[in-house]
Amino acid sequence: MSRPRSRVKRAVLWSLGVAAAIVVLVSLIVWRLLAAEPSWWNPAEPQLAENLSRGEYLENQVVTAFHKVRPVEARQWTLELDADWINAWFATRLPLWAANRNLNWAHSVSEVNASIEGDQIRVGVRYGSGDAGQAYSVECRPVLGEDGRLTLRDLHLRAGRLPIPVGLASGTLGAITHSISQLQTVLSGGSIDPVARLSDGRRVVIRQMTVGDGKIMLTLETLPEH
């Protein structure tokens, strides 16, 4: 009777050992995926003179274009945003922009960068300081519907290189985006009116959007106060 019991015991121990090894292996894989940055991750260097110049120029260009007083016959205008210049702004100007608006994530986000490939836009943030921070990224295809509302199609979220459902990331996303309600809406699968309201009451609306060749091309319209 002892031999069968011994064989059963060895089989149980062997099964437990295999299960433990699988758990450890899976844990290591998950940890490596969480710790790794996406393959496209390439934030701009904030101290580089070229990036400082690009970031400031892009901000001035956008602010000037949005606030320009335009005649009725020229209310529609275009704006081109290049991924390299966007990343320069993220690295050099975004921290100042966020801090000036007292956004609570301004001191928690240490890196922000974007990549445009085909009609897909990828945006990543490192939440936390230095190498101890966790990289989160969003990949999507922005679409303007026939009703003029903006949605994000083919939406994917990742922590490091590990795909995660939107619900699982809601805590961290909420901490970063709760001050920007429209961003929360589109990341949750909803649609928004792509409208920016200016301090003088005018509105700037996105009428067309084309994504490709590392750039975002926008056709916008400046509407009068109402």
Protein backbone atom coordinates (compact mmCIF):
# COMPACT_ATOMS: atom_id res chain seq x y z
CA MET A 1 0.00 0.00 0.00
CA SER A 2 2.92 2.35 0.67
CA ARG A 3 4.20 2.25 -2.91
CA PRO A 4 0.99 3.50 -4.55
CA ARG A 5 0.73 6.22 -1.92
CA SER A 6 4.35 7.16 -2.52
CA ARG A 7 3.76 7.34 -6.27
CA VAL A 8 0.67 9.51 -5.72
CA LYS A 9 2.65 11.77 -3.40
CA ARG A 10 5.46 12.14 -5.93
CA ALA A 11 2.94 12.85 -8.69
CA VAL A 12 1.25 15.50 -6.56
CA LEU A 13 4.58 17.11 -5.67
CA TRP A 14 5.68 17.00 -9.31
CA SER A 15 2.41 18.63 -10.41
CA LEU A 16 2.78 21.32 -7.75
CA GLY A 17 6.36 21.95 -8.84
CA VAL A 18 5.34 22.28 -12.48
CA ALA A 19 2.49 24.62 -11.55
CA ALA A 20 4.84 26.76 -9.44
CA ALA A 21 7.36 26.91 -12.28
CA ILE A 22 4.62 28.00 -14.71
CA VAL A 23 3.44 30.71 -12.29
CA VAL A 24 7.01 31.99 -11.87
CA LEU A 25 7.60 31.94 -15.63
CA VAL A 26 4.36 33.77 -16.39
CA SER A 27 5.12 36.29 -13.64
CA LEU A 28 8.56 36.95 -15.11
CA ILE A 29 7.12 37.39 -18.60
CA VAL A 30 4.43 39.78 -17.32
CA TRP A 31 7.03 41.71 -15.31
CA ARG A 32 9.30 42.03 -18.35
CA LEU A 33 6.41 43.21 -20.52
CA LEU A 34 5.32 45.74 -17.90
CA ALA A 35 8.86 47.06 -17.46
CA ALA A 36 9.61 47.30 -21.19
CA GLU A 37 8.87 50.37 -23.27
CA PRO A 38 6.97 50.05 -26.57
CA SER A 39 9.28 49.54 -29.56
CA TRP A 40 8.40 52.98 -30.93
CA TRP A 41 9.16 54.80 -27.66
CA ASN A 42 11.53 57.68 -28.42
CA PRO A 43 10.94 60.82 -26.31
CA ALA A 44 12.70 64.00 -27.33
CA GLU A 45 15.62 65.24 -25.23
CA PRO A 46 14.30 68.29 -23.29
CA GLN A 47 17.71 69.98 -22.98
CA LEU A 48 18.58 69.79 -26.68
CA ALA A 49 18.64 73.26 -28.23
CA GLU A 50 16.87 72.08 -31.38
CA ASN A 51 13.98 70.68 -29.35
CA LEU A 52 13.72 73.82 -27.23
CA SER A 53 13.47 75.87 -30.43
CA ARG A 54 10.99 73.49 -32.07
CA GLY A 55 8.75 73.29 -29.02
CA GLU A 56 8.55 77.05 -28.61
CA TYR A 57 8.01 77.63 -32.34
CA LEU A 58 5.21 75.05 -32.55
CA GLU A 59 3.43 76.52 -29.53
CA ASN A 60 3.67 80.05 -30.92
CA GLN A 61 2.50 78.85 -34.34
CA VAL A 62 -0.57 77.08 -32.94
CA VAL A 63 -1.54 79.90 -30.55
CA THR A 64 -1.17 82.51 -33.29
CA ALA A 65 -3.18 80.46 -35.79
CA PHE A 66 -6.00 79.77 -33.34
CA HIS A 67 -6.38 83.39 -32.24
CA LYS A 68 -5.96 85.06 -35.63
CA VAL A 69 -8.89 87.23 -36.66
CA ARG A 70 -10.01 85.94 -40.06
CA PRO A 71 -12.42 87.39 -42.63
CA VAL A 72 -15.64 85.46 -43.24
CA GLU A 73 -14.45 84.16 -46.62
CA ALA A 74 -11.29 82.72 -45.04
CA ARG A 75 -12.69 81.17 -41.89
CA GLN A 76 -11.30 77.74 -42.83
CA TRP A 77 -7.56 77.20 -42.52
CA THR A 78 -5.07 74.35 -42.25
CA LEU A 79 -2.55 73.29 -39.68
CA GLU A 80 0.18 70.66 -40.08
CA LEU A 81 1.57 68.89 -37.00
CA ASP A 82 4.74 66.84 -37.42
CA ALA A 83 5.44 64.05 -34.92
CA ASP A 84 9.03 65.22 -34.28
CA TRP A 85 7.83 68.72 -33.50
CA ILE A 86 5.00 67.40 -31.33
CA ASN A 87 7.54 65.40 -29.33
CA ALA A 88 9.73 68.48 -28.97
CA TRP A 89 6.74 70.35 -27.52
CA PHE A 90 5.93 67.43 -25.20
CA ALA A 91 9.50 67.43 -23.86
CA THR A 92 10.04 71.16 -23.49
CA ARG A 93 6.70 72.97 -23.21
CA LEU A 94 4.11 70.52 -21.87
CA PRO A 95 5.49 70.54 -18.29
CA LEU A 96 5.18 74.35 -18.19
CA TRP A 97 1.73 74.26 -19.78
CA ALA A 98 0.46 71.69 -17.25
CA ALA A 99 2.04 73.40 -14.24
CA ASN A 100 0.58 76.79 -15.20
CA ARG A 101 -2.88 75.19 -15.20
CA ASN A 102 -2.32 73.46 -11.86
CA LEU A 103 -2.97 70.04 -13.37
CA ASN A 104 -2.30 67.53 -10.64
CA TRP A 105 -0.40 65.11 -12.89
CA ALA A 106 2.18 67.72 -13.89
CA HIS A 107 4.72 66.42 -11.36
CA SER A 108 3.87 62.74 -11.82
CA VAL A 109 4.45 62.42 -15.57
CA SER A 110 8.14 62.36 -16.47
CA GLU A 111 7.99 61.56 -20.20
CA VAL A 112 5.47 62.03 -22.98
CA ASN A 113 6.02 61.09 -26.60
CA ALA A 114 4.10 60.27 -29.76
CA SER A 115 4.51 58.26 -32.92
CA ILE A 116 2.52 58.47 -36.15
CA GLU A 117 2.61 55.44 -38.43
CA GLY A 118 0.15 55.08 -41.28
CA ASP A 119 -3.21 56.31 -40.00
CA GLN A 120 -2.40 55.24 -36.45
CA ILE A 121 -1.39 57.61 -33.66
CA ARG A 122 0.47 56.34 -30.61
CA VAL A 123 0.90 58.46 -27.48
CA GLY A 124 2.81 57.28 -24.42
CA VAL A 125 3.42 58.67 -20.95
CA ARG A 126 5.73 57.57 -18.17
CA TYR A 127 3.78 57.89 -14.94
CA GLY A 128 6.24 58.28 -12.11
CA SER A 129 9.83 59.42 -11.96
CA GLY A 130 12.77 57.98 -13.89
CA ASP A 131 13.19 54.28 -14.49
CA ALA A 132 10.80 53.54 -11.60
CA GLY A 133 7.92 55.05 -13.55
CA GLN A 134 5.47 52.91 -15.51
CA ALA A 135 5.09 53.50 -19.24
CA TYR A 136 1.49 53.63 -20.48
CA SER A 137 0.54 54.08 -24.12
CA VAL A 138 -2.54 54.53 -26.29
CA GLU A 139 -2.78 53.49 -29.93
CA CYS A 140 -5.74 54.63 -31.98
CA ARG A 141 -7.09 55.79 -35.33
CA PRO A 142 -8.86 59.16 -34.96
CA VAL A 143 -11.98 59.48 -37.10
CA LEU A 144 -14.30 62.40 -37.76
CA GLY A 145 -17.81 61.07 -38.33
CA GLU A 146 -20.43 62.45 -40.71
CA ASP A 147 -21.87 64.28 -37.70
CA GLY A 148 -18.53 66.02 -37.19
CA ARG A 149 -17.82 64.28 -33.90
CA LEU A 150 -14.42 62.78 -33.14
CA THR A 151 -13.97 59.17 -32.04
CA LEU A 152 -10.91 56.97 -31.53
CA ARG A 153 -11.19 53.73 -33.50
CA ASP A 154 -9.00 50.63 -33.06
CA LEU A 155 -8.21 51.80 -29.54
CA HIS A 156 -5.55 49.82 -27.68
CA LEU A 157 -3.99 50.50 -24.29
CA ARG A 158 -0.75 49.08 -22.98
CA ALA A 159 1.21 49.12 -19.75
CA GLY A 160 4.77 48.74 -20.97
CA ARG A 161 4.28 46.24 -23.81
CA LEU A 162 1.43 44.41 -22.09
CA PRO A 163 -2.04 44.98 -23.61
CA ILE A 164 -4.58 45.95 -20.97
CA PRO A 165 -8.34 46.63 -21.08
CA VAL A 166 -9.51 50.20 -20.64
CA GLY A 167 -11.26 49.33 -17.38
CA LEU A 168 -8.08 47.98 -15.82
CA ALA A 169 -6.26 51.21 -16.61
CA SER A 170 -9.08 53.49 -15.47
CA GLY A 171 -7.42 54.36 -12.17
CA THR A 172 -4.19 55.62 -13.68
CA LEU A 173 -5.90 57.15 -16.70
CA GLY A 174 -8.28 58.94 -14.38
CA ALA A 175 -5.39 60.37 -12.37
CA ILE A 176 -3.82 61.73 -15.56
CA THR A 177 -6.93 62.83 -17.47
CA HIS A 178 -9.57 63.81 -14.90
CA SER A 179 -8.83 67.50 -15.53
CA ILE A 180 -9.43 66.99 -19.27
CA SER A 181 -12.94 65.55 -19.48
CA GLN A 182 -12.98 65.26 -23.28
CA LEU A 183 -9.85 63.11 -23.18
CA GLN A 184 -11.52 60.81 -20.68
CA THR A 185 -14.56 60.52 -22.94
CA VAL A 186 -12.70 59.47 -26.10
CA LEU A 187 -10.44 57.06 -24.20
CA SER A 188 -13.59 55.42 -22.89
CA GLY A 189 -14.88 54.91 -26.44
CA GLY A 190 -17.17 57.93 -26.61
CA SER A 191 -17.28 60.74 -29.16
CA ILE A 192 -16.76 64.47 -28.69
CA ASP A 193 -17.28 67.71 -30.57
CA PRO A 194 -13.74 68.70 -31.63
CA VAL A 195 -14.18 72.34 -30.63
CA ALA A 196 -11.78 74.69 -28.84
CA ARG A 197 -13.30 77.77 -27.25
CA LEU A 198 -11.20 80.92 -27.28
CA SER A 199 -11.11 83.52 -24.52
CA ASP A 200 -12.95 86.06 -26.71
CA GLY A 201 -15.90 83.69 -27.24
CA ARG A 202 -14.97 82.47 -30.71
CA ARG A 203 -14.71 78.75 -31.45
CA VAL A 204 -12.26 76.73 -33.53
CA VAL A 205 -13.68 73.50 -34.96
CA ILE A 206 -11.86 70.63 -36.66
CA ARG A 207 -13.56 70.02 -40.01
CA GLN A 208 -11.18 67.49 -41.56
CA MET A 209 -8.32 65.36 -40.28
CA THR A 210 -5.75 63.34 -42.19
CA VAL A 211 -3.12 61.20 -40.47
CA GLY A 212 -0.15 59.85 -42.41
CA ASP A 213 3.55 60.24 -43.28
CA GLY A 214 4.37 61.08 -39.68
CA LYS A 215 2.04 64.08 -39.68
CA ILE A 216 -1.44 65.19 -38.72
CA MET A 217 -3.10 67.52 -41.23
CA LEU A 218 -6.05 69.50 -39.88
CA THR A 219 -8.60 71.67 -41.62
CA LEU A 220 -10.11 74.00 -39.04
CA GLU A 221 -12.77 76.68 -39.06
CA THR A 222 -12.95 79.73 -36.84
CA LEU A 223 -16.54 80.49 -35.87
CA PRO A 224 -17.80 83.76 -34.40
CA GLU A 225 -18.97 84.19 -30.84
CA HIS A 226 -22.49 83.03 -30.16
